[in-house]
Amino acid sequence: MPYEYNDIVRQFFEELKPLFVNYLRKNFTLDYDEIMDIYTDVWMDVRNNITRGRVETGTKWKAYILKMGWNQANKKATRRPRDIDSY
């Protein structure tokens, strides 16, 4: 049975969630609930951008969603300081 559009989106939503959470936790001082609020907002913005024709063909979805999350987190939180010794 072929996948329906909603099934594909739901599967990608769930698969990307751990990467998104870890990415923002690593770079920002946000708790899990704040990150999940951002994740939900990002997906609503993705849908709006698609319906308004603001997404180009060939978009790298993972990078697109992570960048949108980065931008939204940057507005809400302070960045974690880099540990100079870790380089």
N, C-alpha and C. Protein backbone atom coordinates (compact mmCIF):
# COMPACT_ATOMS: atom_id res chain seq x y z
N MET A 1 0.84 -1.19 0.00
CA MET A 1 0.00 0.00 0.00
C MET A 1 0.89 1.25 0.00
N PRO A 2 0.69 2.15 -0.94
CA PRO A 2 1.52 3.35 -1.01
C PRO A 2 1.27 4.26 0.19
N TYR A 3 2.32 4.97 0.56
CA TYR A 3 2.18 5.93 1.65
C TYR A 3 1.33 7.11 1.23
N GLU A 4 0.55 7.60 2.15
CA GLU A 4 -0.21 8.83 1.95
C GLU A 4 0.69 9.99 2.34
N TYR A 5 0.40 11.17 1.82
CA TYR A 5 1.17 12.37 2.12
C TYR A 5 1.30 12.59 3.62
N ASN A 6 0.20 12.48 4.35
CA ASN A 6 0.23 12.72 5.79
C ASN A 6 1.11 11.70 6.51
N ASP A 7 1.13 10.46 6.03
CA ASP A 7 1.98 9.43 6.64
C ASP A 7 3.45 9.76 6.45
N ILE A 8 3.79 10.24 5.27
CA ILE A 8 5.18 10.60 4.98
C ILE A 8 5.63 11.77 5.85
N VAL A 9 4.80 12.78 5.94
CA VAL A 9 5.13 13.95 6.75
C VAL A 9 5.23 13.55 8.22
N ARG A 10 4.30 12.76 8.70
CA ARG A 10 4.32 12.31 10.11
C ARG A 10 5.59 11.51 10.40
N GLN A 11 5.97 10.64 9.49
CA GLN A 11 7.17 9.83 9.67
C GLN A 11 8.42 10.72 9.72
N PHE A 12 8.52 11.68 8.80
CA PHE A 12 9.66 12.59 8.79
C PHE A 12 9.67 13.46 10.05
N PHE A 13 8.50 13.90 10.48
CA PHE A 13 8.36 14.69 11.71
C PHE A 13 8.96 13.93 12.90
N GLU A 14 8.61 12.65 13.01
CA GLU A 14 9.10 11.83 14.13
C GLU A 14 10.59 11.50 13.99
N GLU A 15 11.05 11.23 12.79
CA GLU A 15 12.45 10.89 12.57
C GLU A 15 13.38 12.07 12.83
N LEU A 16 12.95 13.26 12.50
CA LEU A 16 13.78 14.45 12.64
C LEU A 16 13.79 14.99 14.07
N LYS A 17 12.79 14.65 14.85
CA LYS A 17 12.64 15.22 16.19
C LYS A 17 13.88 15.05 17.07
N PRO A 18 14.47 13.84 17.22
CA PRO A 18 15.66 13.72 18.10
C PRO A 18 16.84 14.56 17.63
N LEU A 19 17.07 14.63 16.33
CA LEU A 19 18.15 15.44 15.79
C LEU A 19 17.90 16.92 16.11
N PHE A 20 16.69 17.37 15.91
CA PHE A 20 16.31 18.76 16.16
C PHE A 20 16.51 19.10 17.63
N VAL A 21 16.04 18.25 18.52
CA VAL A 21 16.16 18.48 19.97
C VAL A 21 17.63 18.56 20.36
N ASN A 22 18.42 17.61 19.93
CA ASN A 22 19.84 17.60 20.28
C ASN A 22 20.58 18.80 19.70
N TYR A 23 20.24 19.17 18.49
CA TYR A 23 20.87 20.32 17.83
C TYR A 23 20.63 21.60 18.62
N LEU A 24 19.39 21.82 19.05
CA LEU A 24 19.09 23.05 19.79
C LEU A 24 19.63 22.98 21.22
N ARG A 25 19.56 21.81 21.85
CA ARG A 25 20.11 21.68 23.21
C ARG A 25 21.61 21.95 23.24
N LYS A 26 22.28 21.53 22.21
CA LYS A 26 23.73 21.70 22.14
C LYS A 26 24.11 23.18 22.01
N ASN A 27 23.26 23.96 21.37
CA ASN A 27 23.60 25.34 21.05
C ASN A 27 22.87 26.42 21.84
N PHE A 28 21.80 26.05 22.53
CA PHE A 28 21.00 27.05 23.23
C PHE A 28 20.63 26.56 24.63
N THR A 29 20.31 27.51 25.49
CA THR A 29 19.85 27.17 26.83
C THR A 29 18.32 27.13 26.84
N LEU A 30 17.78 26.05 26.32
CA LEU A 30 16.34 25.84 26.25
C LEU A 30 16.02 24.49 26.87
N ASP A 31 14.86 24.41 27.53
CA ASP A 31 14.45 23.10 28.04
C ASP A 31 13.65 22.36 26.97
N TYR A 32 13.36 21.11 27.24
CA TYR A 32 12.70 20.25 26.25
C TYR A 32 11.37 20.84 25.79
N ASP A 33 10.56 21.34 26.71
CA ASP A 33 9.26 21.89 26.32
C ASP A 33 9.40 23.10 25.39
N GLU A 34 10.37 23.95 25.67
CA GLU A 34 10.60 25.10 24.79
C GLU A 34 11.04 24.64 23.40
N ILE A 35 11.90 23.63 23.36
CA ILE A 35 12.35 23.11 22.07
C ILE A 35 11.19 22.49 21.31
N MET A 36 10.32 21.77 22.00
CA MET A 36 9.18 21.16 21.32
C MET A 36 8.20 22.22 20.83
N ASP A 37 8.05 23.31 21.56
CA ASP A 37 7.23 24.42 21.06
C ASP A 37 7.81 24.99 19.77
N ILE A 38 9.13 25.15 19.75
CA ILE A 38 9.79 25.65 18.54
C ILE A 38 9.61 24.65 17.40
N TYR A 39 9.77 23.36 17.69
CA TYR A 39 9.63 22.33 16.66
C TYR A 39 8.24 22.38 16.03
N THR A 40 7.24 22.50 16.85
CA THR A 40 5.87 22.59 16.34
C THR A 40 5.69 23.85 15.51
N ASP A 41 6.21 24.98 16.01
CA ASP A 41 6.11 26.23 15.26
C ASP A 41 6.82 26.14 13.91
N VAL A 42 7.97 25.50 13.89
CA VAL A 42 8.72 25.33 12.65
C VAL A 42 7.88 24.56 11.63
N TRP A 43 7.26 23.48 12.07
CA TRP A 43 6.46 22.69 11.13
C TRP A 43 5.25 23.45 10.63
N MET A 44 4.66 24.29 11.47
CA MET A 44 3.54 25.12 11.00
C MET A 44 4.05 26.14 9.98
N ASP A 45 5.24 26.71 10.23
CA ASP A 45 5.83 27.65 9.28
C ASP A 45 6.20 26.97 7.96
N VAL A 46 6.69 25.74 8.04
CA VAL A 46 7.00 24.99 6.81
C VAL A 46 5.74 24.84 5.98
N ARG A 47 4.67 24.42 6.61
CA ARG A 47 3.40 24.26 5.89
C ARG A 47 2.96 25.57 5.26
N ASN A 48 3.03 26.66 6.03
CA ASN A 48 2.64 27.97 5.50
C ASN A 48 3.54 28.38 4.33
N ASN A 49 4.83 28.14 4.45
CA ASN A 49 5.74 28.51 3.36
C ASN A 49 5.47 27.70 2.10
N ILE A 50 5.13 26.43 2.28
CA ILE A 50 4.81 25.59 1.12
C ILE A 50 3.54 26.10 0.44
N THR A 51 2.50 26.37 1.22
CA THR A 51 1.23 26.79 0.62
C THR A 51 1.33 28.17 -0.01
N ARG A 52 2.26 28.98 0.44
CA ARG A 52 2.43 30.32 -0.14
C ARG A 52 3.47 30.35 -1.26
N GLY A 53 4.02 29.19 -1.58
CA GLY A 53 4.99 29.11 -2.68
C GLY A 53 6.35 29.68 -2.34
N ARG A 54 6.72 29.68 -1.08
CA ARG A 54 8.00 30.26 -0.65
C ARG A 54 9.12 29.23 -0.53
N VAL A 55 8.87 28.01 -0.93
CA VAL A 55 9.88 26.95 -0.86
C VAL A 55 10.27 26.55 -2.27
N GLU A 56 11.56 26.51 -2.51
CA GLU A 56 12.06 26.19 -3.85
C GLU A 56 12.09 24.69 -4.08
N THR A 57 11.96 24.30 -5.32
CA THR A 57 12.13 22.91 -5.70
C THR A 57 13.55 22.50 -5.36
N GLY A 58 13.71 21.30 -4.85
CA GLY A 58 15.04 20.81 -4.50
C GLY A 58 15.49 21.22 -3.11
N THR A 59 14.59 21.74 -2.30
CA THR A 59 14.92 22.15 -0.94
C THR A 59 15.43 20.95 -0.15
N LYS A 60 16.50 21.14 0.58
CA LYS A 60 17.03 20.13 1.50
C LYS A 60 16.26 20.27 2.80
N TRP A 61 15.27 19.41 2.98
CA TRP A 61 14.31 19.59 4.06
C TRP A 61 14.91 19.54 5.45
N LYS A 62 15.83 18.65 5.67
CA LYS A 62 16.44 18.55 6.99
C LYS A 62 17.17 19.85 7.33
N ALA A 63 17.97 20.34 6.41
CA ALA A 63 18.71 21.59 6.63
C ALA A 63 17.75 22.77 6.78
N TYR A 64 16.71 22.79 5.98
CA TYR A 64 15.71 23.87 6.01
C TYR A 64 15.04 23.94 7.38
N ILE A 65 14.62 22.79 7.88
CA ILE A 65 13.92 22.75 9.17
C ILE A 65 14.87 23.07 10.32
N LEU A 66 16.10 22.56 10.28
CA LEU A 66 17.07 22.87 11.33
C LEU A 66 17.41 24.36 11.33
N LYS A 67 17.54 24.96 10.17
CA LYS A 67 17.84 26.40 10.10
C LYS A 67 16.68 27.22 10.63
N MET A 68 15.47 26.83 10.30
CA MET A 68 14.32 27.54 10.84
C MET A 68 14.28 27.42 12.36
N GLY A 69 14.59 26.24 12.87
CA GLY A 69 14.64 26.04 14.32
C GLY A 69 15.71 26.89 14.95
N TRP A 70 16.89 26.94 14.31
CA TRP A 70 17.99 27.77 14.80
C TRP A 70 17.54 29.23 14.90
N ASN A 71 16.91 29.73 13.85
CA ASN A 71 16.47 31.12 13.83
C ASN A 71 15.45 31.41 14.93
N GLN A 72 14.50 30.50 15.13
CA GLN A 72 13.49 30.72 16.17
C GLN A 72 14.09 30.61 17.56
N ALA A 73 15.00 29.65 17.76
CA ALA A 73 15.65 29.50 19.06
C ALA A 73 16.52 30.71 19.36
N ASN A 74 17.15 31.25 18.35
CA ASN A 74 18.01 32.41 18.51
C ASN A 74 17.22 33.61 19.03
N LYS A 75 15.96 33.70 18.66
CA LYS A 75 15.09 34.78 19.14
C LYS A 75 14.68 34.57 20.60
N LYS A 76 14.58 33.31 21.02
CA LYS A 76 14.03 32.99 22.34
C LYS A 76 15.07 32.81 23.44
N ALA A 77 16.26 32.40 23.09
CA ALA A 77 17.20 31.97 24.12
C ALA A 77 18.56 32.60 23.93
N THR A 78 19.39 32.38 24.92
CA THR A 78 20.78 32.78 24.79
C THR A 78 21.57 31.59 24.27
N ARG A 79 22.61 31.88 23.56
CA ARG A 79 23.46 30.82 23.02
C ARG A 79 24.30 30.25 24.14
N ARG A 80 24.58 28.96 24.07
CA ARG A 80 25.50 28.33 25.02
C ARG A 80 26.91 28.78 24.67
N PRO A 81 27.70 29.13 25.69
CA PRO A 81 29.09 29.48 25.38
C PRO A 81 29.86 28.26 24.90
N ARG A 82 30.75 28.47 23.96
CA ARG A 82 31.57 27.36 23.45
C ARG A 82 32.65 27.02 24.47
N ASP A 83 32.91 25.76 24.62
CA ASP A 83 33.98 25.28 25.48
C ASP A 83 35.26 25.28 24.67
N ILE A 84 36.13 26.21 24.93
CA ILE A 84 37.36 26.36 24.15
C ILE A 84 38.23 25.11 24.24
N ASP A 85 38.22 24.43 25.38
CA ASP A 85 39.03 23.24 25.55
C ASP A 85 38.57 22.07 24.71
N SER A 86 37.36 22.12 24.17
CA SER A 86 36.84 20.98 23.41
C SER A 86 37.34 20.97 21.97
N TYR A 87 38.09 21.97 21.56
CA TYR A 87 38.58 22.01 20.17
C TYR A 87 39.95 21.43 20.07
